[in-house]
C-alpha atoms as a PDB file:
ATOM      1  CA  MET A   1     101.748  46.950  35.301  1.00  0.00           C
ATOM      2  CA  GLU A   2     102.590  43.438  36.324  1.00  0.00           C
ATOM      3  CA  GLU A   3     106.172  42.283  36.699  1.00  0.00           C
ATOM      4  CA  PRO A   4     107.209  39.373  34.515  1.00  0.00           C
ATOM      5  CA  ALA A   5     107.656  35.894  35.937  1.00  0.00           C
ATOM      6  CA  ALA A   6     111.193  34.937  36.922  1.00  0.00           C
ATOM      7  CA  GLY A   7     113.416  34.585  33.874  1.00  0.00           C
ATOM      8  CA  LYS A   8     111.035  36.448  31.547  1.00  0.00           C
ATOM      9  CA  SER A   9     111.299  39.990  30.284  1.00  0.00           C
ATOM     10  CA  GLY A  10     108.777  42.737  29.727  1.00  0.00           C
ATOM     11  CA  LEU A  11     105.969  44.234  31.757  1.00  0.00           C
ATOM     12  CA  LYS A  12     102.319  43.350  31.239  1.00  0.00           C
ATOM     13  CA  LYS A  13      99.682  46.087  31.351  1.00  0.00           C
ATOM     14  CA  ILE A  14      96.848  44.909  33.609  1.00  0.00           C
ATOM     15  CA  TRP A  15      94.950  48.184  34.141  1.00  0.00           C
ATOM     16  CA  GLU A  16      94.802  51.528  32.408  1.00  0.00           C
ATOM     17  CA  TYR A  17      93.085  54.806  33.230  1.00  0.00           C
ATOM     18  CA  GLU A  18      92.789  57.572  30.656  1.00  0.00           C
ATOM     19  CA  CYS A  19      92.979  60.860  32.504  1.00  0.00           C
ATOM     20  CA  ILE A  20      91.919  63.779  30.373  1.00  0.00           C
ATOM     21  CA  PRO A  21      92.924  67.081  31.986  1.00  0.00           C
ATOM     22  CA  ASP A  22      90.074  69.481  32.706  1.00  0.00           C
ATOM     23  CA  GLY A  23      90.439  72.656  30.650  1.00  0.00           C
ATOM     24  CA  GLY A  24      90.519  75.080  33.555  1.00  0.00           C
ATOM     25  CA  HIS A  25      93.067  73.158  35.591  1.00  0.00           C
ATOM     26  CA  ALA A  26      96.120  73.556  33.389  1.00  0.00           C
ATOM     27  CA  LYS A  27      98.574  76.323  34.121  1.00  0.00           C
ATOM     28  CA  LYS A  28     100.112  76.951  30.728  1.00  0.00           C
ATOM     29  CA  GLU A  29     103.282  78.708  31.866  1.00  0.00           C
ATOM     30  CA  SER A  30     104.377  75.873  34.183  1.00  0.00           C
ATOM     31  CA  ALA A  31     106.700  73.344  32.655  1.00  0.00           C
ATOM     32  CA  GLY A  32     108.421  70.108  33.487  1.00  0.00           C
ATOM     33  CA  GLY A  33     107.280  66.734  34.595  1.00  0.00           C
ATOM     34  CA  GLY A  34     106.419  65.322  37.930  1.00  0.00           C
ATOM     35  CA  GLY A  35     103.480  63.567  39.417  1.00  0.00           C
ATOM     36  CA  ASN A  36     103.120  60.307  41.268  1.00  0.00           C
ATOM     37  CA  VAL A  37     100.734  57.477  42.129  1.00  0.00           C
ATOM     38  CA  ILE A  38     100.234  55.920  45.578  1.00  0.00           C
ATOM     39  CA  GLU A  39      98.196  52.735  46.039  1.00  0.00           C
ATOM     40  CA  LEU A  40      95.927  53.129  49.063  1.00  0.00           C
ATOM     41  CA  PRO A  41      94.980  50.303  51.466  1.00  0.00           C
ATOM     42  CA  ASP A  42      91.618  49.806  49.721  1.00  0.00           C
ATOM     43  CA  THR A  43      93.461  49.387  46.342  1.00  0.00           C
ATOM     44  CA  SER A  44      92.270  52.765  45.030  1.00  0.00           C
ATOM     45  CA  LEU A  45      94.956  55.059  43.633  1.00  0.00           C
ATOM     46  CA  PHE A  46      95.950  58.517  44.848  1.00  0.00           C
ATOM     47  CA  VAL A  47      97.198  60.329  41.718  1.00  0.00           C
ATOM     48  CA  SER A  48      99.066  63.605  41.507  1.00  0.00           C
ATOM     49  CA  MET A  49      99.396  65.038  38.014  1.00  0.00           C
ATOM     50  CA  GLY A  50     102.546  67.128  37.967  1.00  0.00           C
ATOM     51  CA  GLY A  51     103.734  69.676  35.502  1.00  0.00           C
ATOM     52  CA  SER A  52     101.085  71.854  33.936  1.00  0.00           C
ATOM     53  CA  PHE A  53      97.985  69.777  34.799  1.00  0.00           C
ATOM     54  CA  CYS A  54      97.877  70.452  38.554  1.00  0.00           C
ATOM     55  CA  LYS A  55      95.236  67.898  39.468  1.00  0.00           C
ATOM     56  CA  ILE A  56      95.135  65.526  42.440  1.00  0.00           C
ATOM     57  CA  PHE A  57      92.540  62.756  42.595  1.00  0.00           C
ATOM     58  CA  ILE A  58      91.637  59.299  43.914  1.00  0.00           C
ATOM     59  CA  VAL A  59      90.330  56.724  41.444  1.00  0.00           C
ATOM     60  CA  ASP A  60      89.176  53.168  42.218  1.00  0.00           C
ATOM     61  CA  GLU A  61      89.652  49.947  40.238  1.00  0.00           C
ATOM     62  CA  ALA A  62      86.302  50.527  38.512  1.00  0.00           C
ATOM     63  CA  LYS A  63      87.772  53.831  37.215  1.00  0.00           C
ATOM     64  CA  GLU A  64      85.366  55.925  39.288  1.00  0.00           C
ATOM     65  CA  VAL A  65      86.851  59.173  40.604  1.00  0.00           C
ATOM     66  CA  LEU A  66      86.250  59.163  44.371  1.00  0.00           C
ATOM     67  CA  TRP A  67      87.828  62.535  45.154  1.00  0.00           C
ATOM     68  CA  CYS A  68      89.396  65.321  43.126  1.00  0.00           C
ATOM     69  CA  ALA A  69      91.131  68.612  43.950  1.00  0.00           C
ATOM     70  CA  VAL A  70      93.105  71.320  42.215  1.00  0.00           C
ATOM     71  CA  PRO A  71      95.778  72.936  44.415  1.00  0.00           C
ATOM     72  CA  GLU A  72      95.556  76.717  44.385  1.00  0.00           C
ATOM     73  CA  GLU A  73      97.430  79.647  45.876  1.00  0.00           C
ATOM     74  CA  TRP A  74      96.257  83.169  46.676  1.00  0.00           C
ATOM     75  CA  VAL A  75      98.002  85.845  44.602  1.00  0.00           C
ATOM     76  CA  ALA A  76      97.601  88.913  46.807  1.00  0.00           C
ATOM     77  CA  GLY A  77      98.766  91.436  44.220  1.00  0.00           C
ATOM     78  CA  GLU A  78      96.108  90.294  41.763  1.00  0.00           C
ATOM     79  CA  LYS A  79      93.562  89.440  44.456  1.00  0.00           C
ATOM     80  CA  LYS A  80      92.721  86.073  42.964  1.00  0.00           C
ATOM     81  CA  TRP A  81      93.325  82.357  43.320  1.00  0.00           C
ATOM     82  CA  GLU A  82      95.567  80.651  40.762  1.00  0.00           C
ATOM     83  CA  VAL A  83      96.448  77.041  40.109  1.00  0.00           C
ATOM     84  CA  ALA A  84      99.563  76.035  42.095  1.00  0.00           C
ATOM     85  CA  PRO A  85     101.674  73.552  40.104  1.00  0.00           C
ATOM     86  CA  GLN A  86     102.846  70.532  42.090  1.00  0.00           C
ATOM     87  CA  TYR A  87     105.798  68.248  41.428  1.00  0.00           C
ATOM     88  CA  ARG A  88     104.498  65.470  43.676  1.00  0.00           C
ATOM     89  CA  ALA A  89     101.810  65.099  46.349  1.00  0.00           C
ATOM     90  CA  SER A  90     101.287  62.803  49.318  1.00  0.00           C
ATOM     91  CA  ILE A  91      98.272  61.727  51.292  1.00  0.00           C
ATOM     92  CA  ILE A  92      97.876  61.621  55.065  1.00  0.00           C
ATOM     93  CA  GLU A  93      95.722  58.587  55.762  1.00  0.00           C
ATOM     94  CA  ASN A  94      94.800  59.075  59.424  1.00  0.00           C
ATOM     95  CA  LYS A  95      94.929  61.403  62.433  1.00  0.00           C
ATOM     96  CA  GLU A  96      98.000  59.689  63.882  1.00  0.00           C
ATOM     97  CA  ALA A  97     100.006  60.239  60.694  1.00  0.00           C
ATOM     98  CA  LEU A  98      98.908  63.886  60.601  1.00  0.00           C
ATOM     99  CA  GLU A  99      99.987  64.446  64.212  1.00  0.00           C
ATOM    100  CA  LYS A 100     103.304  62.750  63.548  1.00  0.00           C
ATOM    101  CA  LEU A 101     103.874  65.082  60.597  1.00  0.00           C
ATOM    102  CA  ILE A 102     102.944  68.197  62.588  1.00  0.00           C
ATOM    103  CA  TRP A 103     104.720  67.348  65.823  1.00  0.00           C
ATOM    104  CA  ASN A 104     107.457  65.081  64.389  1.00  0.00           C
ATOM    105  CA  GLN A 105     106.794  62.448  67.027  1.00  0.00           C
ATOM    106  CA  GLU A 106     104.841  59.271  67.582  1.00  0.00           C
ATOM    107  CA  THR A 107     101.375  59.639  69.070  1.00  0.00           C
ATOM    108  CA  ASP A 108      99.585  57.467  71.611  1.00  0.00           C
ATOM    109  CA  LYS A 109      96.995  55.217  69.969  1.00  0.00           C
END
């Protein structure tokens, strides 16, 4: 979406991506909303589909999916992996950010 010029109202759609959920990635019993989009430095988009779709992916401006994952969790009692619904997801872009997250401190560069 593009913000309107000063003094004008309404948003202008400048790009759209139709994301059709893959059949096996939906967890039917999960409910609610969620999800988020983060623009990455190269202008691609990191997308987290919340609610029942449980899909995380990166798509570029040409609408090509660069990376895709479905978060799962091990259910020990049933001895199987199941889709793990997410409300929102984040991306760690580099080693320094990962170390800061793990150790809660700045790292030497």
